Amino acid sequence: MAVYHLATSGDTKIAAAFSGAGEALQAEIAVATNKDNGLIAAVHAALQHAIDNGTYQRVIDRWGLHSEVVSQSRINPPGLPKPEG
């Protein structure tokens, strides 16, 4: 959100960025739908198409989100490790 605010308002300065998953982990960006609503195949195909045809990369470049890049759309990838304890 900070990158968007910086790009649209011009009155924000980003001092640093950190992964919400911690220094050693990178969480993936997600699209969520209601379970078993029949949309996931279409959402997956649309996202993969955007990755394959370069649209996704243009969005990444436009907003400076290079640390957020994924190489493919995946359905239900493994989540982040659960904290011990």
C-alpha atoms as a PDB file:
ATOM      1  CA  MET A   1       0.000   0.000   0.000  1.00  0.00           C
ATOM      2  CA  ALA A   2       2.907   2.310   0.686  1.00  0.00           C
ATOM      3  CA  VAL A   3       4.164   1.961  -2.900  1.00  0.00           C
ATOM      4  CA  TYR A   4       0.718   2.884  -4.245  1.00  0.00           C
ATOM      5  CA  HIS A   5       0.449   5.866  -1.891  1.00  0.00           C
ATOM      6  CA  LEU A   6       3.907   7.058  -2.898  1.00  0.00           C
ATOM      7  CA  ALA A   7       3.096   6.735  -6.603  1.00  0.00           C
ATOM      8  CA  THR A   8      -0.277   8.476  -6.397  1.00  0.00           C
ATOM      9  CA  SER A   9       0.245  11.179  -3.796  1.00  0.00           C
ATOM     10  CA  GLY A  10       3.939  11.976  -3.941  1.00  0.00           C
ATOM     11  CA  ASP A  11       4.002  12.916  -0.261  1.00  0.00           C
ATOM     12  CA  THR A  12       5.140   9.575   1.175  1.00  0.00           C
ATOM     13  CA  LYS A  13       8.676   8.304   1.617  1.00  0.00           C
ATOM     14  CA  ILE A  14       9.344   4.605   2.087  1.00  0.00           C
ATOM     15  CA  ALA A  15      12.123   4.226   4.621  1.00  0.00           C
ATOM     16  CA  ALA A  16      12.254   0.424   4.636  1.00  0.00           C
ATOM     17  CA  ALA A  17      10.242  -2.658   3.712  1.00  0.00           C
ATOM     18  CA  PHE A  18       9.936  -5.914   5.610  1.00  0.00           C
ATOM     19  CA  SER A  19       8.233  -9.218   4.888  1.00  0.00           C
ATOM     20  CA  GLY A  20       5.283  -9.766   7.168  1.00  0.00           C
ATOM     21  CA  ALA A  21       6.454 -13.371   7.393  1.00  0.00           C
ATOM     22  CA  GLY A  22       9.793 -12.407   8.885  1.00  0.00           C
ATOM     23  CA  GLU A  23      13.283 -11.872   7.568  1.00  0.00           C
ATOM     24  CA  ALA A  24      13.866 -15.441   6.369  1.00  0.00           C
ATOM     25  CA  LEU A  25      10.409 -16.143   4.878  1.00  0.00           C
ATOM     26  CA  GLN A  26       8.423 -14.657   2.048  1.00  0.00           C
ATOM     27  CA  ALA A  27       4.665 -15.059   2.071  1.00  0.00           C
ATOM     28  CA  GLU A  28       2.976 -15.347  -1.303  1.00  0.00           C
ATOM     29  CA  ILE A  29       0.220 -13.047  -2.465  1.00  0.00           C
ATOM     30  CA  ALA A  30      -3.188 -14.722  -2.524  1.00  0.00           C
ATOM     31  CA  VAL A  31      -6.590 -14.554  -4.108  1.00  0.00           C
ATOM     32  CA  ALA A  32      -9.303 -16.033  -1.930  1.00  0.00           C
ATOM     33  CA  THR A  33     -12.723 -17.328  -2.902  1.00  0.00           C
ATOM     34  CA  ASN A  34     -15.411 -19.231  -1.047  1.00  0.00           C
ATOM     35  CA  LYS A  35     -14.543 -22.914  -0.896  1.00  0.00           C
ATOM     36  CA  ASP A  36     -16.040 -25.057  -3.655  1.00  0.00           C
ATOM     37  CA  ASN A  37     -17.774 -22.139  -5.388  1.00  0.00           C
ATOM     38  CA  GLY A  38     -16.446 -23.198  -8.814  1.00  0.00           C
ATOM     39  CA  LEU A  39     -14.367 -20.063  -9.395  1.00  0.00           C
ATOM     40  CA  ILE A  40     -10.888 -21.276  -8.519  1.00  0.00           C
ATOM     41  CA  ALA A  41     -10.091 -22.890 -11.885  1.00  0.00           C
ATOM     42  CA  ALA A  42     -11.027 -19.691 -13.729  1.00  0.00           C
ATOM     43  CA  VAL A  43      -9.101 -17.451 -11.299  1.00  0.00           C
ATOM     44  CA  HIS A  44      -6.059 -19.732 -11.543  1.00  0.00           C
ATOM     45  CA  ALA A  45      -6.196 -19.740 -15.365  1.00  0.00           C
ATOM     46  CA  ALA A  46      -6.597 -15.957 -15.526  1.00  0.00           C
ATOM     47  CA  LEU A  47      -3.658 -15.340 -13.201  1.00  0.00           C
ATOM     48  CA  GLN A  48      -1.447 -17.795 -15.081  1.00  0.00           C
ATOM     49  CA  HIS A  49      -2.417 -16.137 -18.375  1.00  0.00           C
ATOM     50  CA  ALA A  50      -1.411 -12.736 -16.955  1.00  0.00           C
ATOM     51  CA  ILE A  51       1.933 -14.217 -15.852  1.00  0.00           C
ATOM     52  CA  ASP A  52       2.515 -15.917 -19.217  1.00  0.00           C
ATOM     53  CA  ASN A  53       1.673 -12.926 -21.416  1.00  0.00           C
ATOM     54  CA  GLY A  54       3.672 -10.353 -19.424  1.00  0.00           C
ATOM     55  CA  THR A  55       0.754  -8.386 -17.957  1.00  0.00           C
ATOM     56  CA  TYR A  56       1.671  -9.481 -14.441  1.00  0.00           C
ATOM     57  CA  GLN A  57       5.289  -8.368 -14.909  1.00  0.00           C
ATOM     58  CA  ARG A  58       4.161  -4.955 -16.176  1.00  0.00           C
ATOM     59  CA  VAL A  59       2.101  -4.502 -13.004  1.00  0.00           C
ATOM     60  CA  ILE A  60       5.062  -5.595 -10.854  1.00  0.00           C
ATOM     61  CA  ASP A  61       7.315  -3.136 -12.708  1.00  0.00           C
ATOM     62  CA  ARG A  62       4.768  -0.311 -12.518  1.00  0.00           C
ATOM     63  CA  TRP A  63       4.416  -0.547  -8.751  1.00  0.00           C
ATOM     64  CA  GLY A  64       7.982  -1.567  -7.907  1.00  0.00           C
ATOM     65  CA  LEU A  65       6.940  -4.839  -6.299  1.00  0.00           C
ATOM     66  CA  HIS A  66       9.883  -6.958  -7.439  1.00  0.00           C
ATOM     67  CA  SER A  67      10.225  -8.611  -4.040  1.00  0.00           C
ATOM     68  CA  GLU A  68       6.652  -9.919  -4.379  1.00  0.00           C
ATOM     69  CA  VAL A  69       7.036 -11.764  -7.724  1.00  0.00           C
ATOM     70  CA  VAL A  70       5.751 -15.298  -8.147  1.00  0.00           C
ATOM     71  CA  SER A  71       6.631 -17.385 -11.210  1.00  0.00           C
ATOM     72  CA  GLN A  72       3.373 -19.286 -11.474  1.00  0.00           C
ATOM     73  CA  SER A  73      -0.199 -19.348 -10.225  1.00  0.00           C
ATOM     74  CA  ARG A  74      -0.759 -22.155  -7.724  1.00  0.00           C
ATOM     75  CA  ILE A  75      -3.886 -23.465  -6.073  1.00  0.00           C
ATOM     76  CA  ASN A  76      -3.509 -24.083  -2.333  1.00  0.00           C
ATOM     77  CA  PRO A  77       0.284 -23.896  -2.077  1.00  0.00           C
ATOM     78  CA  PRO A  78       1.781 -24.884   1.263  1.00  0.00           C
ATOM     79  CA  GLY A  79       1.405 -22.161   3.851  1.00  0.00           C
ATOM     80  CA  LEU A  80       4.037 -20.571   6.009  1.00  0.00           C
ATOM     81  CA  PRO A  81       5.509 -22.781   8.725  1.00  0.00           C
ATOM     82  CA  LYS A  82       3.515 -22.669  11.934  1.00  0.00           C
ATOM     83  CA  PRO A  83       5.357 -21.208  14.926  1.00  0.00           C
ATOM     84  CA  GLU A  84       6.528 -23.770  17.426  1.00  0.00           C
ATOM     85  CA  GLY A  85       5.099 -23.715  20.884  1.00  0.00           C
END
